[in-house]
Amino acid sequence: QVQLVESGGGLVQPGGSLRLSCAASGFVFSTYNVGWYRQLPGRQRELVATISSSSGTNSADSVKGRFTISRDNAKNTVYLQMNSLKPEDTAVYYCHANSGWHQYWGQGTQVTVSS
């Protein structure tokens, strides 16, 4: 059974940091490109950052220099380190895995940036 389980979301003040984790199971994690997307109510889901199976990374301009994506294939886990958080980063963050043939989504974790 394929699972992507996110954790690490929560409430943080502007300027603070959070680290999201996504634990994968049920597929060969190391062969998948994985990433993080986010969605605000009434808005389309948008790319935050991705990391390929060969560990090449890509991120949205809005988070460059603040967010870092990484993966640990031994733990079947992808991380998103979020620093210098802003209120506009508030969203539900989703983990995504894509092989080109199959794609999977996690259930999402809420990140709220507010004073």
Protein backbone atom coordinates (compact mmCIF):
# COMPACT_ATOMS: atom_id res chain seq x y z
CA GLN A 1 0.00 0.00 0.00
CA VAL A 2 1.42 3.33 -1.08
CA GLN A 3 1.60 6.00 1.60
CA LEU A 4 3.03 9.49 1.85
CA VAL A 5 2.73 10.80 5.39
CA GLU A 6 3.58 14.44 6.06
CA SER A 7 4.49 15.84 9.46
CA GLY A 8 6.01 18.96 10.96
CA GLY A 9 3.37 21.55 10.16
CA GLY A 10 1.99 23.95 12.72
CA LEU A 11 1.75 27.55 13.82
CA VAL A 12 4.85 29.72 13.68
CA GLN A 13 5.53 33.44 13.97
CA PRO A 14 6.74 35.46 10.98
CA GLY A 15 10.49 35.04 10.60
CA GLY A 16 10.39 31.62 12.21
CA SER A 17 11.30 28.19 10.86
CA LEU A 18 9.67 24.82 10.39
CA ARG A 19 10.86 21.55 8.91
CA LEU A 20 8.34 19.38 7.10
CA SER A 21 8.94 15.67 6.65
CA CYS A 22 7.27 13.21 4.31
CA ALA A 23 7.73 9.51 4.96
CA ALA A 24 7.08 7.27 1.97
CA SER A 25 6.24 3.59 1.79
CA GLY A 26 4.88 1.09 -0.70
CA PHE A 27 7.05 2.06 -3.66
CA VAL A 28 10.72 2.38 -4.58
CA PHE A 29 11.25 5.86 -3.20
CA SER A 30 14.77 6.33 -4.55
CA THR A 31 13.57 6.07 -8.16
CA TYR A 32 10.93 8.79 -7.81
CA ASN A 33 11.14 12.54 -8.18
CA VAL A 34 9.57 13.99 -5.05
CA GLY A 35 8.46 17.42 -4.04
CA TRP A 36 6.31 19.76 -2.02
CA TYR A 37 3.28 21.71 -3.20
CA ARG A 38 1.01 24.05 -1.29
CA GLN A 39 -2.58 25.18 -1.57
CA LEU A 40 -4.57 28.04 -0.12
CA PRO A 41 -8.37 27.90 0.13
CA GLY A 42 -9.90 28.67 -3.25
CA ARG A 43 -6.53 28.64 -4.97
CA GLN A 44 -4.81 26.12 -7.22
CA ARG A 45 -2.13 23.89 -5.78
CA GLU A 46 1.29 25.39 -6.55
CA LEU A 47 4.78 24.02 -6.71
CA VAL A 48 7.06 24.84 -3.80
CA ALA A 49 10.12 22.70 -4.47
CA THR A 50 11.11 19.42 -6.07
CA ILE A 51 14.08 17.08 -5.87
CA SER A 52 14.79 14.51 -8.54
CA SER A 53 15.87 10.92 -8.11
CA SER A 54 19.41 12.15 -8.81
CA SER A 55 18.97 14.94 -6.19
CA GLY A 56 18.69 17.85 -8.60
CA THR A 57 16.51 20.54 -7.05
CA ASN A 58 14.07 23.16 -8.26
CA SER A 59 12.04 25.69 -6.29
CA ALA A 60 9.54 28.46 -6.79
CA ASP A 61 10.92 31.99 -6.99
CA SER A 62 8.83 32.96 -3.96
CA VAL A 63 10.74 30.57 -1.69
CA LYS A 64 14.24 30.70 -3.18
CA GLY A 65 16.82 31.46 -0.52
CA ARG A 66 14.37 30.61 2.29
CA PHE A 67 13.26 27.00 1.71
CA THR A 68 15.49 23.99 1.12
CA ILE A 69 14.34 20.58 -0.08
CA SER A 70 16.35 17.44 0.63
CA ARG A 71 15.85 13.69 0.63
CA ASP A 72 17.18 10.70 2.54
CA ASN A 73 16.68 7.59 0.43
CA ALA A 74 17.81 5.34 3.29
CA LYS A 75 14.84 6.63 5.32
CA ASN A 76 12.43 6.99 2.36
CA THR A 77 11.87 10.56 3.46
CA VAL A 78 11.83 13.99 1.83
CA TYR A 79 12.23 17.16 3.87
CA LEU A 80 11.39 20.82 3.42
CA GLN A 81 13.32 23.20 5.63
CA MET A 82 11.45 26.50 5.74
CA ASN A 83 13.22 29.55 7.14
CA SER A 84 12.25 33.23 7.32
CA LEU A 85 8.60 32.28 7.07
CA LYS A 86 6.10 34.91 5.96
CA PRO A 87 2.33 35.12 6.45
CA GLU A 88 1.90 34.46 2.74
CA ASP A 89 3.50 31.04 3.23
CA THR A 90 0.39 29.99 5.13
CA ALA A 91 -1.14 27.02 3.28
CA VAL A 92 -1.68 23.29 3.34
CA TYR A 93 1.57 21.67 2.22
CA TYR A 94 1.41 18.43 0.25
CA CYS A 95 4.09 15.87 -0.49
CA HIS A 96 4.19 14.48 -4.04
CA ALA A 97 6.03 11.57 -5.65
CA ASN A 98 6.26 11.08 -9.40
CA SER A 99 7.95 8.43 -11.50
CA GLY A 100 6.58 9.57 -14.83
CA TRP A 101 4.37 6.49 -14.80
CA HIS A 102 2.82 6.84 -11.36
CA GLN A 103 2.25 9.75 -9.02
CA TYR A 104 1.14 9.87 -5.41
CA TRP A 105 0.04 12.59 -3.01
CA GLY A 106 0.13 12.87 0.76
CA GLN A 107 -2.81 14.04 2.83
CA GLY A 108 -1.32 17.46 3.54
CA THR A 109 -0.12 19.32 6.60
CA GLN A 110 -1.20 22.81 7.63
CA VAL A 111 1.39 25.55 7.99
CA THR A 112 0.19 28.79 9.54
CA VAL A 113 2.47 31.82 9.81
CA SER A 114 0.95 34.40 12.10
CA SER A 115 1.80 36.58 15.06
